[in-house]
């Protein structure tokens, strides 16, 4: 599935850095792991989304 998302990201204009952030969040089921990877790979601000997901999910 990730192999299909890279060409799709290029078509819709998502840069590689943002694509990787989206891929990490969608592939990992453990939110704490997703937050740690996002912080290490991108920046501390990237941890906001994985931290908020459990509050939004029913």
N, C-alpha and C. Protein backbone atom coordinates (compact mmCIF):
# COMPACT_ATOMS: atom_id res chain seq x y z
N UNK A 1 0.81 -1.19 0.00
CA UNK A 1 0.00 0.00 0.00
C UNK A 1 0.86 1.26 0.00
N UNK A 2 1.95 1.25 0.77
CA UNK A 2 2.81 2.43 0.77
C UNK A 2 3.44 2.68 -0.59
N UNK A 3 3.65 1.61 -1.35
CA UNK A 3 4.20 1.77 -2.70
C UNK A 3 3.26 2.55 -3.61
N UNK A 4 1.99 2.46 -3.36
CA UNK A 4 1.01 3.21 -4.16
C UNK A 4 0.89 4.65 -3.69
N UNK A 5 1.18 4.88 -2.42
CA UNK A 5 1.00 6.22 -1.89
C UNK A 5 2.09 7.20 -2.31
N UNK A 6 3.29 6.71 -2.57
CA UNK A 6 4.37 7.62 -2.98
C UNK A 6 4.04 8.28 -4.32
N UNK A 7 3.66 7.52 -5.36
CA UNK A 7 3.28 8.20 -6.61
C UNK A 7 2.06 9.11 -6.44
N UNK A 8 1.11 8.69 -5.62
CA UNK A 8 -0.07 9.52 -5.38
C UNK A 8 0.32 10.82 -4.70
N UNK A 9 1.24 10.75 -3.75
CA UNK A 9 1.70 11.96 -3.08
C UNK A 9 2.37 12.92 -4.06
N UNK A 10 3.13 12.37 -5.01
CA UNK A 10 3.77 13.22 -6.01
C UNK A 10 2.74 13.87 -6.92
N UNK A 11 1.69 13.14 -7.26
CA UNK A 11 0.66 13.67 -8.14
C UNK A 11 -0.08 14.82 -7.47
N UNK A 12 -0.40 14.67 -6.19
CA UNK A 12 -1.16 15.72 -5.52
C UNK A 12 -0.28 16.79 -4.90
N UNK A 13 1.05 16.64 -5.01
CA UNK A 13 1.97 17.69 -4.60
C UNK A 13 2.41 17.66 -3.16
N UNK A 14 2.31 16.51 -2.50
CA UNK A 14 2.79 16.39 -1.12
C UNK A 14 4.29 16.11 -1.16
N UNK A 15 5.06 16.90 -0.42
CA UNK A 15 6.50 16.67 -0.45
C UNK A 15 6.85 15.41 0.34
N UNK A 16 8.09 14.94 0.17
CA UNK A 16 8.50 13.67 0.75
C UNK A 16 8.46 13.71 2.27
N UNK A 17 8.85 14.81 2.86
CA UNK A 17 8.87 14.93 4.32
C UNK A 17 7.46 14.79 4.90
N UNK A 18 6.50 15.48 4.31
CA UNK A 18 5.12 15.38 4.77
C UNK A 18 4.55 14.00 4.51
N UNK A 19 4.92 13.42 3.38
CA UNK A 19 4.46 12.06 3.06
C UNK A 19 4.92 11.07 4.11
N UNK A 20 6.18 11.18 4.53
CA UNK A 20 6.71 10.26 5.54
C UNK A 20 5.99 10.44 6.87
N UNK A 21 5.69 11.67 7.24
CA UNK A 21 4.96 11.91 8.48
C UNK A 21 3.58 11.24 8.44
N UNK A 22 2.90 11.38 7.32
CA UNK A 22 1.59 10.77 7.15
C UNK A 22 1.70 9.25 7.17
N UNK A 23 2.72 8.72 6.50
CA UNK A 23 2.90 7.27 6.44
C UNK A 23 3.18 6.69 7.82
N UNK A 24 4.04 7.34 8.59
CA UNK A 24 4.34 6.84 9.93
C UNK A 24 3.09 6.81 10.80
N UNK A 25 2.30 7.85 10.72
CA UNK A 25 1.10 7.92 11.55
C UNK A 25 0.06 6.89 11.12
N UNK A 26 -0.07 6.65 9.83
CA UNK A 26 -1.10 5.74 9.38
C UNK A 26 -0.68 4.28 9.48
N UNK A 27 0.59 3.99 9.39
CA UNK A 27 1.06 2.60 9.44
C UNK A 27 1.17 2.10 10.86
N UNK A 28 1.66 2.92 11.75
CA UNK A 28 1.83 2.47 13.13
C UNK A 28 0.52 2.50 13.87
N UNK A 29 0.26 1.48 14.63
CA UNK A 29 -0.97 1.42 15.40
C UNK A 29 -0.76 1.93 16.81
N UNK A 30 0.47 1.98 17.24
CA UNK A 30 0.78 2.45 18.58
C UNK A 30 1.07 3.95 18.51
N UNK A 31 0.22 4.74 19.10
CA UNK A 31 0.33 6.19 18.97
C UNK A 31 1.60 6.75 19.61
N UNK A 32 2.07 6.12 20.69
CA UNK A 32 3.28 6.63 21.33
C UNK A 32 4.50 6.41 20.43
N UNK A 33 4.51 5.30 19.71
CA UNK A 33 5.61 5.05 18.77
C UNK A 33 5.53 6.06 17.62
N UNK A 34 4.33 6.32 17.13
CA UNK A 34 4.17 7.29 16.05
C UNK A 34 4.62 8.67 16.49
N UNK A 35 4.30 9.05 17.71
CA UNK A 35 4.71 10.36 18.22
C UNK A 35 6.23 10.44 18.35
N UNK A 36 6.85 9.38 18.86
CA UNK A 36 8.31 9.38 19.03
C UNK A 36 9.02 9.45 17.68
N UNK A 37 8.53 8.71 16.70
CA UNK A 37 9.14 8.74 15.36
C UNK A 37 8.96 10.11 14.74
N UNK A 38 7.79 10.70 14.89
CA UNK A 38 7.55 12.02 14.31
C UNK A 38 8.46 13.07 14.93
N UNK A 39 8.64 13.01 16.24
CA UNK A 39 9.50 13.99 16.91
C UNK A 39 10.94 13.82 16.47
N UNK A 40 11.40 12.57 16.40
CA UNK A 40 12.80 12.33 16.02
C UNK A 40 13.05 12.66 14.55
N UNK A 41 12.07 12.36 13.69
CA UNK A 41 12.28 12.57 12.26
C UNK A 41 12.01 14.01 11.83
N UNK A 42 11.06 14.67 12.48
CA UNK A 42 10.66 15.99 12.01
C UNK A 42 10.98 17.06 13.05
N UNK A 43 10.05 17.29 13.95
CA UNK A 43 10.24 18.32 14.98
C UNK A 43 9.27 18.05 16.11
N UNK A 44 9.45 18.69 17.26
CA UNK A 44 8.52 18.48 18.37
C UNK A 44 7.06 18.81 18.03
N UNK A 45 6.86 19.75 17.13
CA UNK A 45 5.48 20.10 16.75
C UNK A 45 4.77 18.94 16.06
N UNK A 46 5.53 18.02 15.47
CA UNK A 46 4.93 16.88 14.76
C UNK A 46 4.24 15.92 15.71
N UNK A 47 4.51 16.02 17.01
CA UNK A 47 3.89 15.11 17.97
C UNK A 47 2.48 15.54 18.35
N UNK A 48 2.05 16.70 17.92
CA UNK A 48 0.72 17.19 18.28
C UNK A 48 -0.37 16.29 17.71
N UNK A 49 -0.26 15.91 16.46
CA UNK A 49 -1.29 15.09 15.82
C UNK A 49 -1.42 13.73 16.50
N UNK A 50 -0.33 12.95 16.68
CA UNK A 50 -0.52 11.67 17.36
C UNK A 50 -1.02 11.81 18.80
N UNK A 51 -0.73 12.91 19.43
CA UNK A 51 -1.22 13.12 20.80
C UNK A 51 -2.72 13.42 20.81
N UNK A 52 -3.22 14.05 19.77
CA UNK A 52 -4.65 14.41 19.73
C UNK A 52 -5.54 13.31 19.17
N UNK A 53 -4.99 12.38 18.43
CA UNK A 53 -5.81 11.33 17.80
C UNK A 53 -6.64 10.55 18.81
N UNK A 54 -6.08 10.09 19.95
CA UNK A 54 -6.92 9.35 20.89
C UNK A 54 -8.08 10.16 21.45
N UNK A 55 -7.96 11.47 21.52
CA UNK A 55 -9.06 12.29 22.01
C UNK A 55 -10.18 12.42 20.98
N UNK A 56 -9.84 12.31 19.71
CA UNK A 56 -10.82 12.48 18.65
C UNK A 56 -11.52 11.17 18.32
N UNK A 57 -10.80 10.06 18.44
CA UNK A 57 -11.37 8.76 18.10
C UNK A 57 -12.45 8.37 19.11
N UNK A 58 -13.54 7.79 18.62
CA UNK A 58 -14.62 7.37 19.53
C UNK A 58 -14.23 6.16 20.36
